[in-house]
Amino acid sequence: MEFVNEFTVPTDIDTTWRTLIDLEKVAPCLPGATLEEVDGDVYTGRVKVKVGPITVSYRGTAELIDVDEEAKTARIDAKGKETRGAGTANADVSAKLTETDEGTLVHVVTDLTVTGKPAQFGRGVMGEVGTKIIDQFSERLEELVLSDGGAAGGEAVASGAAAVGAEASAEGAVSPAEPGVAAPAATGPRKIAPDPSRENEALDLMEVAGAATIKRAVPLVAGLALVAGLIWWLTRR
């Protein structure tokens, strides 16, 4: 299933771009998502989805690919599997940023394939659910971008001061490493410590899709009422 969504972030395109491609920061903006590990450009995490009384947990990876800073376009390839079941969720997400008078327009195209319990929702319902999820995501992203923009100046001053201090300390410092022996480089995946301030609750599909589900059920209810009426009329004859 392919879905197209757009939202506007009230910041300049460069600020929005820097935040959007930082998946470590952006992941908690997605309802139900938690990032657990980073290995290069591959991000591992989980997404919790509630379908009525049932909670389905997916664990998988997201990889940032085809990143074009000049064109301000990027693709994310995400793959997940139920931790207790055979259901899967795969998404190919393309994003393009365009500067506007209001800020930055983010155009998102998602090619989604879902199996298992959440697949019981049809394309129409999934489309409406997807739009509401994007709305929640854009609100959180806006807060994140604005907070990053406000902190940028302070961070620049702090990093400058730290650099001066580091240079001063380095003058006369003696390296403990033996001559000809290089310090070991950090390799392998990096674990992400949980951030209680950005704890993400499970995405409740029934809550998000409630109105849409009822809307889709109206024709079915009307059809059943018509059949019941015909049966009643025939039995009266």
C-alpha atoms as a PDB file:
ATOM      1  CA  MET A   1       0.000   0.000   0.000  1.00  0.00           C
ATOM      2  CA  GLU A   2       1.285   3.440  -0.916  1.00  0.00           C
ATOM      3  CA  PHE A   3       0.423   6.531   1.114  1.00  0.00           C
ATOM      4  CA  VAL A   4       1.291  10.171   0.480  1.00  0.00           C
ATOM      5  CA  ASN A   5       1.393  12.708   3.325  1.00  0.00           C
ATOM      6  CA  GLU A   6       2.615  16.268   3.776  1.00  0.00           C
ATOM      7  CA  PHE A   7       3.255  18.475   6.777  1.00  0.00           C
ATOM      8  CA  THR A   8       4.933  21.821   7.416  1.00  0.00           C
ATOM      9  CA  VAL A   9       7.567  22.572  10.056  1.00  0.00           C
ATOM     10  CA  PRO A  10       7.919  26.294  10.949  1.00  0.00           C
ATOM     11  CA  THR A  11      11.719  26.383  10.644  1.00  0.00           C
ATOM     12  CA  ASP A  12      14.160  26.945   7.787  1.00  0.00           C
ATOM     13  CA  ILE A  13      14.989  24.036   5.495  1.00  0.00           C
ATOM     14  CA  ASP A  14      18.566  23.501   6.751  1.00  0.00           C
ATOM     15  CA  THR A  15      17.509  23.281  10.407  1.00  0.00           C
ATOM     16  CA  THR A  16      14.669  20.906   9.539  1.00  0.00           C
ATOM     17  CA  TRP A  17      16.964  18.768   7.370  1.00  0.00           C
ATOM     18  CA  ARG A  18      19.624  18.363  10.074  1.00  0.00           C
ATOM     19  CA  THR A  19      17.016  17.191  12.552  1.00  0.00           C
ATOM     20  CA  LEU A  20      15.081  14.946  10.170  1.00  0.00           C
ATOM     21  CA  ILE A  21      18.095  12.853   9.134  1.00  0.00           C
ATOM     22  CA  ASP A  22      19.174  12.357  12.754  1.00  0.00           C
ATOM     23  CA  LEU A  23      17.177   9.170  13.306  1.00  0.00           C
ATOM     24  CA  GLU A  24      18.457   8.847  16.862  1.00  0.00           C
ATOM     25  CA  LYS A  25      16.635  12.073  17.739  1.00  0.00           C
ATOM     26  CA  VAL A  26      13.667  11.575  15.425  1.00  0.00           C
ATOM     27  CA  ALA A  27      12.751   7.959  16.330  1.00  0.00           C
ATOM     28  CA  PRO A  28      10.876   8.845  19.563  1.00  0.00           C
ATOM     29  CA  CYS A  29       8.728  11.284  17.540  1.00  0.00           C
ATOM     30  CA  LEU A  30       7.046   8.275  15.905  1.00  0.00           C
ATOM     31  CA  PRO A  31       4.172   7.032  18.122  1.00  0.00           C
ATOM     32  CA  GLY A  32       5.006   3.680  19.734  1.00  0.00           C
ATOM     33  CA  ALA A  33       8.665   3.646  18.623  1.00  0.00           C
ATOM     34  CA  THR A  34      11.754   3.135  20.801  1.00  0.00           C
ATOM     35  CA  LEU A  35      15.343   3.158  19.509  1.00  0.00           C
ATOM     36  CA  GLU A  36      17.637   0.537  21.073  1.00  0.00           C
ATOM     37  CA  GLU A  37      20.847   0.343  19.051  1.00  0.00           C
ATOM     38  CA  VAL A  38      22.830   2.163  16.352  1.00  0.00           C
ATOM     39  CA  ASP A  39      25.368   0.513  14.059  1.00  0.00           C
ATOM     40  CA  GLY A  40      26.596   2.933  11.399  1.00  0.00           C
ATOM     41  CA  ASP A  41      23.558   3.900   9.294  1.00  0.00           C
ATOM     42  CA  VAL A  42      21.445   1.014  10.625  1.00  0.00           C
ATOM     43  CA  TYR A  43      19.114   1.733  13.548  1.00  0.00           C
ATOM     44  CA  THR A  44      17.547  -1.103  15.556  1.00  0.00           C
ATOM     45  CA  GLY A  45      14.474  -0.636  17.688  1.00  0.00           C
ATOM     46  CA  ARG A  46      10.936  -1.700  18.420  1.00  0.00           C
ATOM     47  CA  VAL A  47       7.421  -0.438  17.814  1.00  0.00           C
ATOM     48  CA  LYS A  48       4.486  -1.351  20.056  1.00  0.00           C
ATOM     49  CA  VAL A  49       1.011  -1.408  18.512  1.00  0.00           C
ATOM     50  CA  LYS A  50      -2.263  -2.016  20.369  1.00  0.00           C
ATOM     51  CA  VAL A  51      -5.145  -3.651  18.507  1.00  0.00           C
ATOM     52  CA  GLY A  52      -7.970  -3.565  21.041  1.00  0.00           C
ATOM     53  CA  PRO A  53      -6.854  -5.507  24.141  1.00  0.00           C
ATOM     54  CA  ILE A  54      -3.917  -7.054  22.262  1.00  0.00           C
ATOM     55  CA  THR A  55      -0.471  -5.425  22.177  1.00  0.00           C
ATOM     56  CA  VAL A  56       1.723  -6.380  19.241  1.00  0.00           C
ATOM     57  CA  SER A  57       5.431  -5.605  19.486  1.00  0.00           C
ATOM     58  CA  TYR A  58       7.618  -5.391  16.390  1.00  0.00           C
ATOM     59  CA  ARG A  59      11.401  -5.406  16.447  1.00  0.00           C
ATOM     60  CA  GLY A  60      13.401  -4.469  13.411  1.00  0.00           C
ATOM     61  CA  THR A  61      15.759  -2.088  11.677  1.00  0.00           C
ATOM     62  CA  ALA A  62      15.622   1.211   9.831  1.00  0.00           C
ATOM     63  CA  GLU A  63      18.381   2.265   7.465  1.00  0.00           C
ATOM     64  CA  LEU A  64      18.882   5.759   6.097  1.00  0.00           C
ATOM     65  CA  ILE A  65      19.685   5.415   2.370  1.00  0.00           C
ATOM     66  CA  ASP A  66      19.877   7.636  -0.730  1.00  0.00           C
ATOM     67  CA  VAL A  67      20.570  10.777   1.299  1.00  0.00           C
ATOM     68  CA  ASP A  68      20.975  13.841  -0.951  1.00  0.00           C
ATOM     69  CA  GLU A  69      21.721  16.927   1.123  1.00  0.00           C
ATOM     70  CA  GLU A  70      21.723  19.286  -1.865  1.00  0.00           C
ATOM     71  CA  ALA A  71      18.302  18.107  -3.100  1.00  0.00           C
ATOM     72  CA  LYS A  72      17.081  17.656   0.492  1.00  0.00           C
ATOM     73  CA  THR A  73      15.768  14.156  -0.176  1.00  0.00           C
ATOM     74  CA  ALA A  74      16.234  10.908   1.752  1.00  0.00           C
ATOM     75  CA  ARG A  75      14.881   7.379   1.930  1.00  0.00           C
ATOM     76  CA  ILE A  76      14.401   5.132   4.936  1.00  0.00           C
ATOM     77  CA  ASP A  77      14.168   1.366   4.518  1.00  0.00           C
ATOM     78  CA  ALA A  78      12.422  -0.129   7.565  1.00  0.00           C
ATOM     79  CA  LYS A  79      11.795  -3.814   8.283  1.00  0.00           C
ATOM     80  CA  GLY A  80      10.146  -5.303  11.353  1.00  0.00           C
ATOM     81  CA  LYS A  81       8.786  -8.604  12.653  1.00  0.00           C
ATOM     82  CA  GLU A  82       6.456  -9.433  15.518  1.00  0.00           C
ATOM     83  CA  THR A  83       8.407 -10.502  18.596  1.00  0.00           C
ATOM     84  CA  ARG A  84       5.703 -13.076  19.391  1.00  0.00           C
ATOM     85  CA  GLY A  85       4.148 -14.022  16.104  1.00  0.00           C
ATOM     86  CA  ALA A  86       4.649 -14.278  12.368  1.00  0.00           C
ATOM     87  CA  GLY A  87       3.394 -10.803  11.440  1.00  0.00           C
ATOM     88  CA  THR A  88       5.696  -8.446   9.566  1.00  0.00           C
ATOM     89  CA  ALA A  89       5.805  -4.762   8.661  1.00  0.00           C
ATOM     90  CA  ASN A  90       8.021  -3.356   5.920  1.00  0.00           C
ATOM     91  CA  ALA A  91       8.122   0.273   4.826  1.00  0.00           C
ATOM     92  CA  ASP A  92      10.026   2.191   2.170  1.00  0.00           C
ATOM     93  CA  VAL A  93       9.747   5.861   3.137  1.00  0.00           C
ATOM     94  CA  SER A  94      10.847   8.715   0.857  1.00  0.00           C
ATOM     95  CA  ALA A  95      10.995  12.288   2.134  1.00  0.00           C
ATOM     96  CA  LYS A  96      11.555  15.529   0.225  1.00  0.00           C
ATOM     97  CA  LEU A  97      11.948  18.939   1.859  1.00  0.00           C
ATOM     98  CA  THR A  98      10.887  22.188   0.177  1.00  0.00           C
ATOM     99  CA  GLU A  99      11.278  25.676   1.632  1.00  0.00           C
ATOM    100  CA  THR A 100       8.073  27.734   1.808  1.00  0.00           C
ATOM    101  CA  ASP A 101       6.930  31.054   3.269  1.00  0.00           C
ATOM    102  CA  GLU A 102       5.622  29.169   6.330  1.00  0.00           C
ATOM    103  CA  GLY A 103       8.828  27.199   6.904  1.00  0.00           C
ATOM    104  CA  THR A 104       9.652  23.788   5.414  1.00  0.00           C
ATOM    105  CA  LEU A 105       7.201  21.498   3.628  1.00  0.00           C
ATOM    106  CA  VAL A 106       7.975  17.797   4.169  1.00  0.00           C
ATOM    107  CA  HIS A 107       6.523  15.540   1.457  1.00  0.00           C
ATOM    108  CA  VAL A 108       6.451  11.869   2.508  1.00  0.00           C
ATOM    109  CA  VAL A 109       5.675   8.834   0.336  1.00  0.00           C
ATOM    110  CA  THR A 110       5.369   5.507   2.197  1.00  0.00           C
ATOM    111  CA  ASP A 111       5.189   2.099   0.538  1.00  0.00           C
ATOM    112  CA  LEU A 112       3.866  -0.120   3.353  1.00  0.00           C
ATOM    113  CA  THR A 113       3.418  -3.876   3.561  1.00  0.00           C
ATOM    114  CA  VAL A 114       1.808  -5.318   6.714  1.00  0.00           C
ATOM    115  CA  THR A 115       0.888  -8.874   7.657  1.00  0.00           C
ATOM    116  CA  GLY A 116      -0.658 -10.216  10.859  1.00  0.00           C
ATOM    117  CA  LYS A 117      -3.254  -8.636  13.173  1.00  0.00           C
ATOM    118  CA  PRO A 118      -2.952  -4.983  12.039  1.00  0.00           C
ATOM    119  CA  ALA A 119      -3.554  -6.141   8.446  1.00  0.00           C
ATOM    120  CA  GLN A 120      -7.238  -6.644   9.333  1.00  0.00           C
ATOM    121  CA  PHE A 121      -7.685  -2.924   8.658  1.00  0.00           C
ATOM    122  CA  GLY A 122      -8.343  -2.231   4.976  1.00  0.00           C
ATOM    123  CA  ARG A 123      -6.426   0.220   2.804  1.00  0.00           C
ATOM    124  CA  GLY A 124      -8.885   3.054   3.474  1.00  0.00           C
ATOM    125  CA  VAL A 125      -8.666   2.712   7.248  1.00  0.00           C
ATOM    126  CA  MET A 126      -4.893   2.242   7.154  1.00  0.00           C
ATOM    127  CA  GLY A 127      -4.632   5.413   5.058  1.00  0.00           C
ATOM    128  CA  GLU A 128      -6.589   7.431   7.615  1.00  0.00           C
ATOM    129  CA  VAL A 129      -4.614   5.881  10.468  1.00  0.00           C
ATOM    130  CA  GLY A 130      -1.385   6.715   8.646  1.00  0.00           C
ATOM    131  CA  THR A 131      -2.462  10.336   8.243  1.00  0.00           C
ATOM    132  CA  LYS A 132      -3.196  10.644  11.970  1.00  0.00           C
ATOM    133  CA  ILE A 133       0.135   9.046  12.845  1.00  0.00           C
ATOM    134  CA  ILE A 134       1.909  11.513  10.525  1.00  0.00           C
ATOM    135  CA  ASP A 135       0.012  14.359  12.233  1.00  0.00           C
ATOM    136  CA  GLN A 136       1.241  13.201  15.665  1.00  0.00           C
ATOM    137  CA  PHE A 137       4.753  12.704  14.285  1.00  0.00           C
ATOM    138  CA  SER A 138       4.845  16.186  12.726  1.00  0.00           C
ATOM    139  CA  GLU A 139       3.710  17.815  15.992  1.00  0.00           C
ATOM    140  CA  ARG A 140       6.496  16.073  17.932  1.00  0.00           C
ATOM    141  CA  LEU A 141       9.022  16.822  15.182  1.00  0.00           C
ATOM    142  CA  GLU A 142       8.063  20.501  15.250  1.00  0.00           C
ATOM    143  CA  GLU A 143       8.697  20.624  19.006  1.00  0.00           C
ATOM    144  CA  LEU A 144      12.033  18.849  18.525  1.00  0.00           C
ATOM    145  CA  VAL A 145      13.192  21.122  15.679  1.00  0.00           C
ATOM    146  CA  LEU A 146      12.214  24.275  17.558  1.00  0.00           C
ATOM    147  CA  SER A 147      14.002  23.121  20.721  1.00  0.00           C
ATOM    148  CA  ASP A 148      17.104  22.198  18.697  1.00  0.00           C
ATOM    149  CA  GLY A 149      17.080  25.582  16.979  1.00  0.00           C
ATOM    150  CA  GLY A 150      16.829  27.412  20.288  1.00  0.00           C
ATOM    151  CA  ALA A 151      19.680  25.426  21.803  1.00  0.00           C
ATOM    152  CA  ALA A 152      21.973  25.741  18.784  1.00  0.00           C
ATOM    153  CA  GLY A 153      23.565  29.027  19.904  1.00  0.00           C
ATOM    154  CA  GLY A 154      24.296  27.777  23.411  1.00  0.00           C
ATOM    155  CA  GLU A 155      25.712  24.533  22.094  1.00  0.00           C
ATOM    156  CA  ALA A 156      28.028  26.420  19.732  1.00  0.00           C
ATOM    157  CA  VAL A 157      29.403  28.560  22.577  1.00  0.00           C
ATOM    158  CA  ALA A 158      29.813  25.519  24.828  1.00  0.00           C
ATOM    159  CA  SER A 159      31.580  23.509  22.130  1.00  0.00           C
ATOM    160  CA  GLY A 160      33.896  26.456  21.399  1.00  0.00           C
ATOM    161  CA  ALA A 161      34.838  26.776  25.059  1.00  0.00           C
ATOM    162  CA  ALA A 162      35.386  23.039  25.300  1.00  0.00           C
ATOM    163  CA  ALA A 163      37.658  23.138  22.252  1.00  0.00           C
ATOM    164  CA  VAL A 164      39.802  25.910  23.770  1.00  0.00           C
ATOM    165  CA  GLY A 165      40.061  23.952  27.025  1.00  0.00           C
ATOM    166  CA  ALA A 166      40.993  20.792  25.169  1.00  0.00           C
ATOM    167  CA  GLU A 167      43.735  22.572  23.227  1.00  0.00           C
ATOM    168  CA  ALA A 168      45.153  24.068  26.428  1.00  0.00           C
ATOM    169  CA  SER A 169      45.162  20.676  28.127  1.00  0.00           C
ATOM    170  CA  ALA A 170      46.773  19.037  25.129  1.00  0.00           C
ATOM    171  CA  GLU A 171      49.827  21.312  25.190  1.00  0.00           C
ATOM    172  CA  GLY A 172      52.203  19.434  27.488  1.00  0.00           C
ATOM    173  CA  ALA A 173      50.051  16.335  27.801  1.00  0.00           C
ATOM    174  CA  VAL A 174      51.912  13.054  27.370  1.00  0.00           C
ATOM    175  CA  SER A 175      50.204  10.227  25.526  1.00  0.00           C
ATOM    176  CA  PRO A 176      50.040   7.062  27.615  1.00  0.00           C
ATOM    177  CA  ALA A 177      50.115   4.895  24.502  1.00  0.00           C
ATOM    178  CA  GLU A 178      53.374   3.164  23.588  1.00  0.00           C
ATOM    179  CA  PRO A 179      55.200   4.411  20.473  1.00  0.00           C
ATOM    180  CA  GLY A 180      53.858   2.781  17.325  1.00  0.00           C
ATOM    181  CA  VAL A 181      50.754   1.414  19.062  1.00  0.00           C
ATOM    182  CA  ALA A 182      47.454   2.935  17.936  1.00  0.00           C
ATOM    183  CA  ALA A 183      44.581   3.348  20.359  1.00  0.00           C
ATOM    184  CA  PRO A 184      41.767   0.857  19.696  1.00  0.00           C
ATOM    185  CA  ALA A 185      38.909   2.324  17.642  1.00  0.00           C
ATOM    186  CA  ALA A 186      35.330   1.962  18.806  1.00  0.00           C
ATOM    187  CA  THR A 187      33.555  -0.542  16.575  1.00  0.00           C
ATOM    188  CA  GLY A 188      30.297  -2.465  16.527  1.00  0.00           C
ATOM    189  CA  PRO A 189      26.778  -1.456  17.522  1.00  0.00           C
ATOM    190  CA  ARG A 190      26.171   1.225  20.127  1.00  0.00           C
ATOM    191  CA  LYS A 191      23.420   0.685  22.690  1.00  0.00           C
ATOM    192  CA  ILE A 192      20.962   3.529  23.274  1.00  0.00           C
ATOM    193  CA  ALA A 193      20.172   4.202  26.924  1.00  0.00           C
ATOM    194  CA  PRO A 194      16.431   4.649  27.613  1.00  0.00           C
ATOM    195  CA  ASP A 195      15.323   8.259  28.074  1.00  0.00           C
ATOM    196  CA  PRO A 196      12.418   8.388  30.571  1.00  0.00           C
ATOM    197  CA  SER A 197      11.538  11.908  29.408  1.00  0.00           C
ATOM    198  CA  ARG A 198      10.832  10.567  25.911  1.00  0.00           C
ATOM    199  CA  GLU A 199       9.125   7.301  26.864  1.00  0.00           C
ATOM    200  CA  ASN A 200       6.793   6.217  24.060  1.00  0.00           C
ATOM    201  CA  GLU A 201       3.479   4.498  24.765  1.00  0.00           C
ATOM    202  CA  ALA A 202       2.146   1.787  22.459  1.00  0.00           C
ATOM    203  CA  LEU A 203       0.333   3.087  19.392  1.00  0.00           C
ATOM    204  CA  ASP A 204      -3.379   2.316  19.916  1.00  0.00           C
ATOM    205  CA  LEU A 205      -4.753   1.510  16.452  1.00  0.00           C
ATOM    206  CA  MET A 206      -8.343   1.187  17.682  1.00  0.00           C
ATOM    207  CA  GLU A 207      -8.158   4.595  19.330  1.00  0.00           C
ATOM    208  CA  VAL A 208      -6.560   6.211  16.292  1.00  0.00           C
ATOM    209  CA  ALA A 209      -8.763   4.395  13.774  1.00  0.00           C
ATOM    210  CA  GLY A 210     -11.991   4.483  15.799  1.00  0.00           C
ATOM    211  CA  ALA A 211     -13.855   7.049  13.712  1.00  0.00           C
ATOM    212  CA  ALA A 212     -12.498   5.659  10.470  1.00  0.00           C
ATOM    213  CA  THR A 213     -13.523   2.110  11.394  1.00  0.00           C
ATOM    214  CA  ILE A 214     -17.056   3.228  12.257  1.00  0.00           C
ATOM    215  CA  LYS A 215     -17.261   5.136   8.972  1.00  0.00           C
ATOM    216  CA  ARG A 216     -16.227   2.035   7.015  1.00  0.00           C
ATOM    217  CA  ALA A 217     -18.788  -0.070   8.925  1.00  0.00           C
ATOM    218  CA  VAL A 218     -21.767   2.163   8.034  1.00  0.00           C
ATOM    219  CA  PRO A 219     -22.372   0.645   4.542  1.00  0.00           C
ATOM    220  CA  LEU A 220     -22.179  -2.873   6.018  1.00  0.00           C
ATOM    221  CA  VAL A 221     -24.677  -2.029   8.770  1.00  0.00           C
ATOM    222  CA  ALA A 222     -27.002  -0.409   6.227  1.00  0.00           C
ATOM    223  CA  GLY A 223     -26.793  -3.477   3.995  1.00  0.00           C
ATOM    224  CA  LEU A 224     -27.578  -5.832   6.868  1.00  0.00           C
ATOM    225  CA  ALA A 225     -30.541  -3.655   7.862  1.00  0.00           C
ATOM    226  CA  LEU A 226     -31.867  -3.807   4.297  1.00  0.00           C
ATOM    227  CA  VAL A 227     -31.560  -7.612   4.201  1.00  0.00           C
ATOM    228  CA  ALA A 228     -33.294  -7.892   7.589  1.00  0.00           C
ATOM    229  CA  GLY A 229     -36.100  -5.651   6.329  1.00  0.00           C
ATOM    230  CA  LEU A 230     -36.619  -7.780   3.225  1.00  0.00           C
ATOM    231  CA  ILE A 231     -36.720 -10.976   5.290  1.00  0.00           C
ATOM    232  CA  TRP A 232     -39.270  -9.406   7.657  1.00  0.00           C
ATOM    233  CA  TRP A 233     -41.417  -8.253   4.699  1.00  0.00           C
ATOM    234  CA  LEU A 234     -41.339 -11.685   3.023  1.00  0.00           C
ATOM    235  CA  THR A 235     -42.279 -13.515   6.223  1.00  0.00           C
ATOM    236  CA  ARG A 236     -45.239 -11.182   6.714  1.00  0.00           C
ATOM    237  CA  ARG A 237     -46.772 -12.184   3.356  1.00  0.00           C
END
